[in-house]
Amino acid sequence: MSIITKDTVLSELLAHHHILIPIVNRFGIKLGVGDKTIEDICEEQDLNVDFILVILNVYLNENYISDKILAQFDLKPIANYFNETIQNYLHSLVPNIEKHLHAFIALSDSNNVELKALQKVFYQFKEELVLHLEKGLEHKGPYPHELLRDIKSMLIKHVSGNFNQNLCYAVIFSVGSLEDDLIIHNRLRDSVLIPKLNKSDSSDIDILQDSIAISNIKPKKKKLLTKRETEILKLIVNGNLNKQIADKLNISLNTVLTHRKNILSKTGIKTVSGLTLYCISNGLLSPNSLKIK
């Protein structure tokens, strides 16, 4: 693998190594980069090009990093990168797996024992990952990518009965993507973060700890549905039309429409299938309660 330099055209790099797309996104670099070099883009967006080059090169070549290269960086860009990576895991990659997994289970045989075990392993992984992130710099070991490998193995080797093949693929691919990223992240942590911490004083470490602490990256609190909105949401998911909902709850049709408008505003979801996944994700409905069509 050749070394990535300032003169490397980013679009060509991403075309050959698409796994780097979420990495550059963590620096705020979005797609649509044209034919610009990495240096051009970093100058436009006021980014530390040298640090970005280190991350990209380490991501593709585990033997790239050296103490001499590390010595030129302070803790701020390192903290920012790890902060963005953790946010990406918690608010994008893990929820993406969860979304595909819930859809896969909801549209599969509700009596499938393997799927229940699969869901259990995923939530074990999610819990362990959050616990690791909560420890911040006190966490010494690697992040739990082995559990993701177990999920892939269960799907490839042991899943049986009636299930949606395409959604099964979606779960496998999303799990594999996070697994690969965690493996690289562990390597970056060992080669970039830990060596830098070993050379830093306690005040610098406290600053970095605050920067990547999970308390600083919690998502904004969601607008909660009211009791009536939740009641109507369940009826919608169960296939009831607006008039049927009005009759069952003894309310006017206009009131139902108002509640539906509020549900859309709070969830951002327009389709019944999307609302079904929302109910499952938030514990309002069990996948086992849904009819398989």
C-alpha atoms as a PDB file:
ATOM      1  CA  MET A   1       0.000   0.000   0.000  1.00  0.00           C
ATOM      2  CA  SER A   2       1.496   3.351  -1.062  1.00  0.00           C
ATOM      3  CA  ILE A   3       1.608   6.231   1.410  1.00  0.00           C
ATOM      4  CA  ILE A   4      -1.241   8.764   1.296  1.00  0.00           C
ATOM      5  CA  THR A   5       0.161  12.285   0.895  1.00  0.00           C
ATOM      6  CA  LYS A   6      -1.095  15.869   0.798  1.00  0.00           C
ATOM      7  CA  ASP A   7      -1.154  15.663  -3.000  1.00  0.00           C
ATOM      8  CA  THR A   8      -3.401  12.592  -3.060  1.00  0.00           C
ATOM      9  CA  VAL A   9      -6.696  13.311  -4.834  1.00  0.00           C
ATOM     10  CA  LEU A  10      -9.297  12.478  -2.205  1.00  0.00           C
ATOM     11  CA  SER A  11     -11.999  11.315  -4.627  1.00  0.00           C
ATOM     12  CA  GLU A  12      -9.608   8.762  -6.153  1.00  0.00           C
ATOM     13  CA  LEU A  13      -8.572   7.563  -2.702  1.00  0.00           C
ATOM     14  CA  LEU A  14     -12.184   7.096  -1.570  1.00  0.00           C
ATOM     15  CA  ALA A  15     -13.096   5.332  -4.815  1.00  0.00           C
ATOM     16  CA  HIS A  16     -10.401   2.718  -4.154  1.00  0.00           C
ATOM     17  CA  HIS A  17     -10.895   2.560  -0.375  1.00  0.00           C
ATOM     18  CA  HIS A  18     -14.553   3.280   0.396  1.00  0.00           C
ATOM     19  CA  ILE A  19     -13.994   2.254   4.033  1.00  0.00           C
ATOM     20  CA  LEU A  20     -12.329   5.657   4.459  1.00  0.00           C
ATOM     21  CA  ILE A  21     -15.556   7.550   3.669  1.00  0.00           C
ATOM     22  CA  PRO A  22     -16.887   7.517   7.267  1.00  0.00           C
ATOM     23  CA  ILE A  23     -13.371   8.342   8.496  1.00  0.00           C
ATOM     24  CA  VAL A  24     -13.072  11.591   6.528  1.00  0.00           C
ATOM     25  CA  ASN A  25     -16.665  12.375   7.486  1.00  0.00           C
ATOM     26  CA  ARG A  26     -15.570  12.409  11.138  1.00  0.00           C
ATOM     27  CA  PHE A  27     -13.402  15.380  10.233  1.00  0.00           C
ATOM     28  CA  GLY A  28     -16.412  17.124   8.688  1.00  0.00           C
ATOM     29  CA  ILE A  29     -15.422  16.281   5.094  1.00  0.00           C
ATOM     30  CA  LYS A  30     -18.517  15.374   3.092  1.00  0.00           C
ATOM     31  CA  LEU A  31     -18.813  13.721  -0.304  1.00  0.00           C
ATOM     32  CA  GLY A  32     -18.766  15.891  -3.404  1.00  0.00           C
ATOM     33  CA  VAL A  33     -15.055  16.651  -3.104  1.00  0.00           C
ATOM     34  CA  GLY A  34     -14.438  16.930  -6.844  1.00  0.00           C
ATOM     35  CA  ASP A  35     -10.841  16.465  -7.978  1.00  0.00           C
ATOM     36  CA  LYS A  36      -9.276  18.350  -5.083  1.00  0.00           C
ATOM     37  CA  THR A  37      -6.273  17.081  -3.193  1.00  0.00           C
ATOM     38  CA  ILE A  38      -6.383  16.342   0.519  1.00  0.00           C
ATOM     39  CA  GLU A  39      -4.321  19.465   1.146  1.00  0.00           C
ATOM     40  CA  ASP A  40      -6.734  21.662  -0.844  1.00  0.00           C
ATOM     41  CA  ILE A  41      -9.736  20.364   1.104  1.00  0.00           C
ATOM     42  CA  CYS A  42      -8.002  20.767   4.462  1.00  0.00           C
ATOM     43  CA  GLU A  43      -7.045  24.357   3.636  1.00  0.00           C
ATOM     44  CA  GLU A  44     -10.621  25.168   2.628  1.00  0.00           C
ATOM     45  CA  GLN A  45     -12.059  23.685   5.828  1.00  0.00           C
ATOM     46  CA  ASP A  46      -9.241  24.752   8.174  1.00  0.00           C
ATOM     47  CA  LEU A  47      -8.330  21.164   9.078  1.00  0.00           C
ATOM     48  CA  ASN A  48      -5.033  19.748  10.312  1.00  0.00           C
ATOM     49  CA  VAL A  49      -3.855  18.005   7.148  1.00  0.00           C
ATOM     50  CA  ASP A  50      -0.904  16.268   8.832  1.00  0.00           C
ATOM     51  CA  PHE A  51      -3.082  14.661  11.485  1.00  0.00           C
ATOM     52  CA  ILE A  52      -5.668  13.561   8.911  1.00  0.00           C
ATOM     53  CA  LEU A  53      -2.895  11.956   6.863  1.00  0.00           C
ATOM     54  CA  VAL A  54      -1.712  10.031   9.932  1.00  0.00           C
ATOM     55  CA  ILE A  55      -5.219   8.697  10.590  1.00  0.00           C
ATOM     56  CA  LEU A  56      -5.820   7.716   6.958  1.00  0.00           C
ATOM     57  CA  ASN A  57      -2.438   6.024   6.619  1.00  0.00           C
ATOM     58  CA  VAL A  58      -2.766   4.121   9.893  1.00  0.00           C
ATOM     59  CA  TYR A  59      -6.243   3.033   8.834  1.00  0.00           C
ATOM     60  CA  LEU A  60      -4.835   1.350   5.725  1.00  0.00           C
ATOM     61  CA  ASN A  61      -1.371   0.396   6.972  1.00  0.00           C
ATOM     62  CA  GLU A  62      -0.855  -0.759  10.563  1.00  0.00           C
ATOM     63  CA  ASN A  63       2.923  -0.322  10.269  1.00  0.00           C
ATOM     64  CA  TYR A  64       2.765   3.346   9.267  1.00  0.00           C
ATOM     65  CA  ILE A  65       2.780   5.102  12.648  1.00  0.00           C
ATOM     66  CA  SER A  66       5.986   6.190  14.416  1.00  0.00           C
ATOM     67  CA  ASP A  67       6.901   8.135  17.556  1.00  0.00           C
ATOM     68  CA  LYS A  68       8.454  10.868  15.425  1.00  0.00           C
ATOM     69  CA  ILE A  69       5.176  11.481  13.602  1.00  0.00           C
ATOM     70  CA  LEU A  70       3.177  11.457  16.828  1.00  0.00           C
ATOM     71  CA  ALA A  71       5.411  14.013  18.515  1.00  0.00           C
ATOM     72  CA  GLN A  72       4.203  16.842  16.265  1.00  0.00           C
ATOM     73  CA  PHE A  73       0.572  16.726  17.466  1.00  0.00           C
ATOM     74  CA  ASP A  74      -1.006  18.101  20.604  1.00  0.00           C
ATOM     75  CA  LEU A  75      -3.964  16.452  22.305  1.00  0.00           C
ATOM     76  CA  LYS A  76      -6.685  18.604  20.742  1.00  0.00           C
ATOM     77  CA  PRO A  77      -6.905  16.995  17.263  1.00  0.00           C
ATOM     78  CA  ILE A  78      -6.575  13.554  18.833  1.00  0.00           C
ATOM     79  CA  ALA A  79      -9.403  14.296  21.268  1.00  0.00           C
ATOM     80  CA  ASN A  80     -11.604  15.681  18.502  1.00  0.00           C
ATOM     81  CA  TYR A  81     -11.107  12.633  16.309  1.00  0.00           C
ATOM     82  CA  PHE A  82     -11.863  10.114  19.052  1.00  0.00           C
ATOM     83  CA  ASN A  83     -14.860  12.169  20.133  1.00  0.00           C
ATOM     84  CA  GLU A  84     -16.272  12.158  16.585  1.00  0.00           C
ATOM     85  CA  THR A  85     -15.576   8.428  16.260  1.00  0.00           C
ATOM     86  CA  ILE A  86     -17.470   7.621  19.448  1.00  0.00           C
ATOM     87  CA  GLN A  87     -20.383   9.801  18.348  1.00  0.00           C
ATOM     88  CA  ASN A  88     -20.414   7.972  15.024  1.00  0.00           C
ATOM     89  CA  TYR A  89     -20.591   4.603  16.794  1.00  0.00           C
ATOM     90  CA  LEU A  90     -23.304   5.566  19.267  1.00  0.00           C
ATOM     91  CA  HIS A  91     -25.523   7.657  17.024  1.00  0.00           C
ATOM     92  CA  SER A  92     -25.007   6.139  13.571  1.00  0.00           C
ATOM     93  CA  LEU A  93     -23.367   2.718  13.207  1.00  0.00           C
ATOM     94  CA  VAL A  94     -24.935   0.968  16.224  1.00  0.00           C
ATOM     95  CA  PRO A  95     -28.451   2.409  15.603  1.00  0.00           C
ATOM     96  CA  ASN A  96     -28.101   1.365  11.951  1.00  0.00           C
ATOM     97  CA  ILE A  97     -27.490  -2.243  13.000  1.00  0.00           C
ATOM     98  CA  GLU A  98     -30.360  -2.043  15.484  1.00  0.00           C
ATOM     99  CA  LYS A  99     -32.724  -0.720  12.806  1.00  0.00           C
ATOM    100  CA  HIS A 100     -31.876  -3.530  10.378  1.00  0.00           C
ATOM    101  CA  LEU A 101     -31.995  -6.153  13.134  1.00  0.00           C
ATOM    102  CA  HIS A 102     -35.431  -5.071  14.357  1.00  0.00           C
ATOM    103  CA  ALA A 103     -36.792  -5.075  10.811  1.00  0.00           C
ATOM    104  CA  PHE A 104     -35.245  -8.496  10.167  1.00  0.00           C
ATOM    105  CA  ILE A 105     -36.788  -9.992  13.319  1.00  0.00           C
ATOM    106  CA  ALA A 106     -40.158  -8.292  12.783  1.00  0.00           C
ATOM    107  CA  LEU A 107     -40.502  -9.791   9.303  1.00  0.00           C
ATOM    108  CA  SER A 108     -39.252 -13.260  10.238  1.00  0.00           C
ATOM    109  CA  ASP A 109     -40.763 -16.258  12.016  1.00  0.00           C
ATOM    110  CA  SER A 110     -41.682 -15.075  15.530  1.00  0.00           C
ATOM    111  CA  ASN A 111     -40.957 -18.555  16.932  1.00  0.00           C
ATOM    112  CA  ASN A 112     -37.390 -18.607  15.617  1.00  0.00           C
ATOM    113  CA  VAL A 113     -35.184 -19.345  18.643  1.00  0.00           C
ATOM    114  CA  GLU A 114     -32.002 -18.329  16.808  1.00  0.00           C
ATOM    115  CA  LEU A 115     -33.333 -14.810  16.223  1.00  0.00           C
ATOM    116  CA  LYS A 116     -34.091 -14.334  19.909  1.00  0.00           C
ATOM    117  CA  ALA A 117     -30.547 -15.444  20.750  1.00  0.00           C
ATOM    118  CA  LEU A 118     -29.226 -13.099  18.066  1.00  0.00           C
ATOM    119  CA  GLN A 119     -31.063 -10.155  19.578  1.00  0.00           C
ATOM    120  CA  LYS A 120     -29.685 -11.055  23.015  1.00  0.00           C
ATOM    121  CA  VAL A 121     -26.085 -11.085  21.722  1.00  0.00           C
ATOM    122  CA  PHE A 122     -26.561  -7.712  20.022  1.00  0.00           C
ATOM    123  CA  TYR A 123     -27.837  -6.056  23.189  1.00  0.00           C
ATOM    124  CA  GLN A 124     -24.962  -7.620  25.113  1.00  0.00           C
ATOM    125  CA  PHE A 125     -22.569  -6.023  22.614  1.00  0.00           C
ATOM    126  CA  LYS A 126     -24.345  -2.670  22.825  1.00  0.00           C
ATOM    127  CA  GLU A 127     -24.226  -2.701  26.630  1.00  0.00           C
ATOM    128  CA  GLU A 128     -20.530  -3.631  26.713  1.00  0.00           C
ATOM    129  CA  LEU A 129     -19.645  -0.961  24.143  1.00  0.00           C
ATOM    130  CA  VAL A 130     -21.405   1.774  26.122  1.00  0.00           C
ATOM    131  CA  LEU A 131     -19.738   0.598  29.342  1.00  0.00           C
ATOM    132  CA  HIS A 132     -16.329   0.793  27.660  1.00  0.00           C
ATOM    133  CA  LEU A 133     -17.045   4.278  26.347  1.00  0.00           C
ATOM    134  CA  GLU A 134     -18.261   5.444  29.752  1.00  0.00           C
ATOM    135  CA  LYS A 135     -14.860   4.548  31.218  1.00  0.00           C
ATOM    136  CA  GLY A 136     -13.154   6.948  28.825  1.00  0.00           C
ATOM    137  CA  LEU A 137      -9.381   6.865  29.226  1.00  0.00           C
ATOM    138  CA  GLU A 138      -9.656   4.439  32.140  1.00  0.00           C
ATOM    139  CA  HIS A 139     -10.662   1.747  29.672  1.00  0.00           C
ATOM    140  CA  LYS A 140      -7.572  -0.343  28.929  1.00  0.00           C
ATOM    141  CA  GLY A 141      -8.692  -3.183  26.682  1.00  0.00           C
ATOM    142  CA  PRO A 142     -10.017  -3.301  23.113  1.00  0.00           C
ATOM    143  CA  TYR A 143     -13.616  -2.551  22.258  1.00  0.00           C
ATOM    144  CA  PRO A 144     -15.842  -5.682  22.010  1.00  0.00           C
ATOM    145  CA  HIS A 145     -15.744  -6.423  18.284  1.00  0.00           C
ATOM    146  CA  GLU A 146     -15.704 -10.196  18.950  1.00  0.00           C
ATOM    147  CA  LEU A 147     -19.424 -10.125  19.782  1.00  0.00           C
ATOM    148  CA  LEU A 148     -20.100  -8.647  16.348  1.00  0.00           C
ATOM    149  CA  ARG A 149     -18.237 -11.575  14.844  1.00  0.00           C
ATOM    150  CA  ASP A 150     -20.530 -13.891  16.822  1.00  0.00           C
ATOM    151  CA  ILE A 151     -23.600 -12.152  15.374  1.00  0.00           C
ATOM    152  CA  LYS A 152     -22.326 -12.615  11.819  1.00  0.00           C
ATOM    153  CA  SER A 153     -21.524 -16.256  12.516  1.00  0.00           C
ATOM    154  CA  MET A 154     -25.011 -16.907  13.913  1.00  0.00           C
ATOM    155  CA  LEU A 155     -26.627 -15.406  10.825  1.00  0.00           C
ATOM    156  CA  ILE A 156     -24.393 -17.197   8.341  1.00  0.00           C
ATOM    157  CA  LYS A 157     -24.312 -20.610  10.035  1.00  0.00           C
ATOM    158  CA  HIS A 158     -27.354 -21.084  12.229  1.00  0.00           C
ATOM    159  CA  VAL A 159     -30.352 -18.953  11.217  1.00  0.00           C
ATOM    160  CA  SER A 160     -33.238 -21.096   9.970  1.00  0.00           C
ATOM    161  CA  GLY A 161     -36.970 -21.029   9.291  1.00  0.00           C
ATOM    162  CA  ASN A 162     -38.789 -18.230   7.494  1.00  0.00           C
ATOM    163  CA  PHE A 163     -36.825 -14.994   7.312  1.00  0.00           C
ATOM    164  CA  ASN A 164     -36.252 -12.063   4.961  1.00  0.00           C
ATOM    165  CA  GLN A 165     -33.055 -12.769   3.016  1.00  0.00           C
ATOM    166  CA  ASN A 166     -32.395  -9.142   2.022  1.00  0.00           C
ATOM    167  CA  LEU A 167     -32.763  -7.874   5.590  1.00  0.00           C
ATOM    168  CA  CYS A 168     -30.450 -10.671   6.717  1.00  0.00           C
ATOM    169  CA  TYR A 169     -27.829  -9.358   4.273  1.00  0.00           C
ATOM    170  CA  ALA A 170     -28.373  -5.821   5.579  1.00  0.00           C
ATOM    171  CA  VAL A 171     -27.695  -6.936   9.161  1.00  0.00           C
ATOM    172  CA  ILE A 172     -24.559  -8.848   8.134  1.00  0.00           C
ATOM    173  CA  PHE A 173     -23.144  -5.945   6.113  1.00  0.00           C
ATOM    174  CA  SER A 174     -23.871  -3.322   8.796  1.00  0.00           C
ATOM    175  CA  VAL A 175     -22.389  -5.556  11.511  1.00  0.00           C
ATOM    176  CA  GLY A 176     -19.327  -6.243   9.361  1.00  0.00           C
ATOM    177  CA  SER A 177     -18.815  -2.534   8.745  1.00  0.00           C
ATOM    178  CA  LEU A 178     -18.796  -1.719  12.463  1.00  0.00           C
ATOM    179  CA  GLU A 179     -16.618  -4.743  13.247  1.00  0.00           C
ATOM    180  CA  ASP A 180     -13.970  -3.612  10.748  1.00  0.00           C
ATOM    181  CA  ASP A 181     -14.130  -0.062  12.084  1.00  0.00           C
ATOM    182  CA  LEU A 182     -13.728  -1.186  15.702  1.00  0.00           C
ATOM    183  CA  ILE A 183     -10.685  -3.281  14.823  1.00  0.00           C
ATOM    184  CA  ILE A 184      -9.051  -0.278  13.165  1.00  0.00           C
ATOM    185  CA  HIS A 185     -10.151   2.008  15.988  1.00  0.00           C
ATOM    186  CA  ASN A 186      -8.479  -0.302  18.507  1.00  0.00           C
ATOM    187  CA  ARG A 187      -5.292  -0.100  16.453  1.00  0.00           C
ATOM    188  CA  LEU A 188      -5.503   3.699  16.264  1.00  0.00           C
ATOM    189  CA  ARG A 189      -6.107   3.850  19.977  1.00  0.00           C
ATOM    190  CA  ASP A 190      -3.016   1.737  20.664  1.00  0.00           C
ATOM    191  CA  SER A 191      -0.778   3.517  18.146  1.00  0.00           C
ATOM    192  CA  VAL A 192      -1.973   7.136  18.450  1.00  0.00           C
ATOM    193  CA  LEU A 193      -3.882   7.779  21.672  1.00  0.00           C
ATOM    194  CA  ILE A 194      -2.116   5.601  24.249  1.00  0.00           C
ATOM    195  CA  PRO A 195       1.472   6.585  23.263  1.00  0.00           C
ATOM    196  CA  LYS A 196       0.484  10.257  23.383  1.00  0.00           C
ATOM    197  CA  LEU A 197      -1.115   9.843  26.806  1.00  0.00           C
ATOM    198  CA  ASN A 198       2.024   8.168  28.117  1.00  0.00           C
ATOM    199  CA  LYS A 199       3.966  11.331  27.239  1.00  0.00           C
ATOM    200  CA  SER A 200       1.398  13.802  28.593  1.00  0.00           C
ATOM    201  CA  ASP A 201       0.998  15.274  32.054  1.00  0.00           C
ATOM    202  CA  SER A 202      -2.114  14.787  34.174  1.00  0.00           C
ATOM    203  CA  SER A 203      -3.695  18.147  33.287  1.00  0.00           C
ATOM    204  CA  ASP A 204      -3.564  17.345  29.563  1.00  0.00           C
ATOM    205  CA  ILE A 205      -5.059  13.924  30.238  1.00  0.00           C
ATOM    206  CA  ASP A 206      -7.917  15.509  32.188  1.00  0.00           C
ATOM    207  CA  ILE A 207      -8.659  17.758  29.207  1.00  0.00           C
ATOM    208  CA  LEU A 208      -8.721  14.792  26.852  1.00  0.00           C
ATOM    209  CA  GLN A 209     -10.837  12.750  29.253  1.00  0.00           C
ATOM    210  CA  ASP A 210     -13.426  15.526  29.322  1.00  0.00           C
ATOM    211  CA  SER A 211     -13.349  15.746  25.533  1.00  0.00           C
ATOM    212  CA  ILE A 212     -14.171  12.106  24.918  1.00  0.00           C
ATOM    213  CA  ALA A 213     -16.343  11.447  27.971  1.00  0.00           C
ATOM    214  CA  ILE A 214     -19.647   9.894  27.045  1.00  0.00           C
ATOM    215  CA  SER A 215     -21.477  12.525  29.110  1.00  0.00           C
ATOM    216  CA  ASN A 216     -20.471  15.076  26.459  1.00  0.00           C
ATOM    217  CA  ILE A 217     -21.850  13.088  23.548  1.00  0.00           C
ATOM    218  CA  LYS A 218     -25.299  12.099  24.678  1.00  0.00           C
ATOM    219  CA  PRO A 219     -27.924  12.757  22.005  1.00  0.00           C
ATOM    220  CA  LYS A 220     -30.484  15.480  22.420  1.00  0.00           C
ATOM    221  CA  LYS A 221     -33.488  14.390  24.398  1.00  0.00           C
ATOM    222  CA  LYS A 222     -36.249  13.170  22.136  1.00  0.00           C
ATOM    223  CA  LYS A 223     -39.718  14.646  22.298  1.00  0.00           C
ATOM    224  CA  LEU A 224     -41.826  12.042  24.055  1.00  0.00           C
ATOM    225  CA  LEU A 225     -45.203  10.994  22.761  1.00  0.00           C
ATOM    226  CA  THR A 226     -48.169  11.611  25.025  1.00  0.00           C
ATOM    227  CA  LYS A 227     -50.227   8.705  26.347  1.00  0.00           C
ATOM    228  CA  ARG A 228     -52.950   9.386  23.768  1.00  0.00           C
ATOM    229  CA  GLU A 229     -50.431   9.710  20.911  1.00  0.00           C
ATOM    230  CA  THR A 230     -48.887   6.384  21.918  1.00  0.00           C
ATOM    231  CA  GLU A 231     -52.318   4.784  21.992  1.00  0.00           C
ATOM    232  CA  ILE A 232     -53.103   6.081  18.501  1.00  0.00           C
ATOM    233  CA  LEU A 233     -49.667   5.069  17.228  1.00  0.00           C
ATOM    234  CA  LYS A 234     -50.267   1.453  18.273  1.00  0.00           C
ATOM    235  CA  LEU A 235     -53.634   1.456  16.529  1.00  0.00           C
ATOM    236  CA  ILE A 236     -52.042   2.835  13.350  1.00  0.00           C
ATOM    237  CA  VAL A 237     -49.365   0.142  13.385  1.00  0.00           C
ATOM    238  CA  ASN A 238     -52.052  -2.507  13.898  1.00  0.00           C
ATOM    239  CA  GLY A 239     -53.676  -1.442  10.635  1.00  0.00           C
ATOM    240  CA  ASN A 240     -56.529   0.776  11.836  1.00  0.00           C
ATOM    241  CA  LEU A 241     -57.720   3.608   9.593  1.00  0.00           C
ATOM    242  CA  ASN A 242     -58.380   7.109  10.927  1.00  0.00           C
ATOM    243  CA  LYS A 243     -62.166   6.578  11.122  1.00  0.00           C
ATOM    244  CA  GLN A 244     -61.696   3.268  12.951  1.00  0.00           C
ATOM    245  CA  ILE A 245     -59.347   4.912  15.447  1.00  0.00           C
ATOM    246  CA  ALA A 246     -61.845   7.711  16.061  1.00  0.00           C
ATOM    247  CA  ASP A 247     -64.637   5.197  16.696  1.00  0.00           C
ATOM    248  CA  LYS A 248     -62.550   3.007  19.010  1.00  0.00           C
ATOM    249  CA  LEU A 249     -61.356   5.936  21.128  1.00  0.00           C
ATOM    250  CA  ASN A 250     -64.643   7.850  20.905  1.00  0.00           C
ATOM    251  CA  ILE A 251     -62.964  10.985  19.588  1.00  0.00           C
ATOM    252  CA  SER A 252     -63.497  13.082  16.469  1.00  0.00           C
ATOM    253  CA  LEU A 253     -61.755  12.414  13.165  1.00  0.00           C
ATOM    254  CA  ASN A 254     -60.110  15.851  13.345  1.00  0.00           C
ATOM    255  CA  THR A 255     -58.648  14.953  16.746  1.00  0.00           C
ATOM    256  CA  VAL A 256     -57.150  11.779  15.272  1.00  0.00           C
ATOM    257  CA  LEU A 257     -55.623  13.776  12.420  1.00  0.00           C
ATOM    258  CA  THR A 258     -54.154  16.275  14.889  1.00  0.00           C
ATOM    259  CA  HIS A 259     -52.581  13.474  16.919  1.00  0.00           C
ATOM    260  CA  ARG A 260     -51.173  11.895  13.743  1.00  0.00           C
ATOM    261  CA  LYS A 261     -49.648  15.241  12.805  1.00  0.00           C
ATOM    262  CA  ASN A 262     -48.021  15.462  16.246  1.00  0.00           C
ATOM    263  CA  ILE A 263     -46.715  11.894  15.967  1.00  0.00           C
ATOM    264  CA  LEU A 264     -45.134  12.731  12.603  1.00  0.00           C
ATOM    265  CA  SER A 265     -43.592  15.901  14.026  1.00  0.00           C
ATOM    266  CA  LYS A 266     -42.071  14.115  17.024  1.00  0.00           C
ATOM    267  CA  THR A 267     -40.847  10.954  15.285  1.00  0.00           C
ATOM    268  CA  GLY A 268     -40.083  12.316  11.819  1.00  0.00           C
ATOM    269  CA  ILE A 269     -41.563   9.097  10.384  1.00  0.00           C
ATOM    270  CA  LYS A 270     -44.183   9.129   7.635  1.00  0.00           C
ATOM    271  CA  THR A 271     -44.737   5.448   6.775  1.00  0.00           C
ATOM    272  CA  VAL A 272     -46.553   2.726   8.718  1.00  0.00           C
ATOM    273  CA  SER A 273     -43.569   0.390   8.313  1.00  0.00           C
ATOM    274  CA  GLY A 274     -41.317   3.067   9.765  1.00  0.00           C
ATOM    275  CA  LEU A 275     -43.694   3.614  12.681  1.00  0.00           C
ATOM    276  CA  THR A 276     -43.725  -0.147  13.259  1.00  0.00           C
ATOM    277  CA  LEU A 277     -39.945  -0.158  13.626  1.00  0.00           C
ATOM    278  CA  TYR A 278     -40.210   2.878  15.902  1.00  0.00           C
ATOM    279  CA  CYS A 279     -42.628   1.000  18.173  1.00  0.00           C
ATOM    280  CA  ILE A 280     -40.339  -2.031  18.339  1.00  0.00           C
ATOM    281  CA  SER A 281     -37.216   0.061  18.937  1.00  0.00           C
ATOM    282  CA  ASN A 282     -38.865   1.947  21.787  1.00  0.00           C
ATOM    283  CA  GLY A 283     -40.463  -1.074  23.434  1.00  0.00           C
ATOM    284  CA  LEU A 284     -44.027  -0.100  22.547  1.00  0.00           C
ATOM    285  CA  LEU A 285     -44.580  -3.342  20.644  1.00  0.00           C
ATOM    286  CA  SER A 286     -42.874  -6.706  20.676  1.00  0.00           C
ATOM    287  CA  PRO A 287     -41.704  -8.210  17.360  1.00  0.00           C
ATOM    288  CA  ASN A 288     -43.559 -11.367  18.414  1.00  0.00           C
ATOM    289  CA  SER A 289     -46.859  -9.447  18.419  1.00  0.00           C
ATOM    290  CA  LEU A 290     -46.563  -8.588  14.719  1.00  0.00           C
ATOM    291  CA  LYS A 291     -48.146 -10.809  12.102  1.00  0.00           C
ATOM    292  CA  ILE A 292     -45.794 -12.253   9.486  1.00  0.00           C
ATOM    293  CA  LYS A 293     -47.069 -11.525   5.993  1.00  0.00           C
END
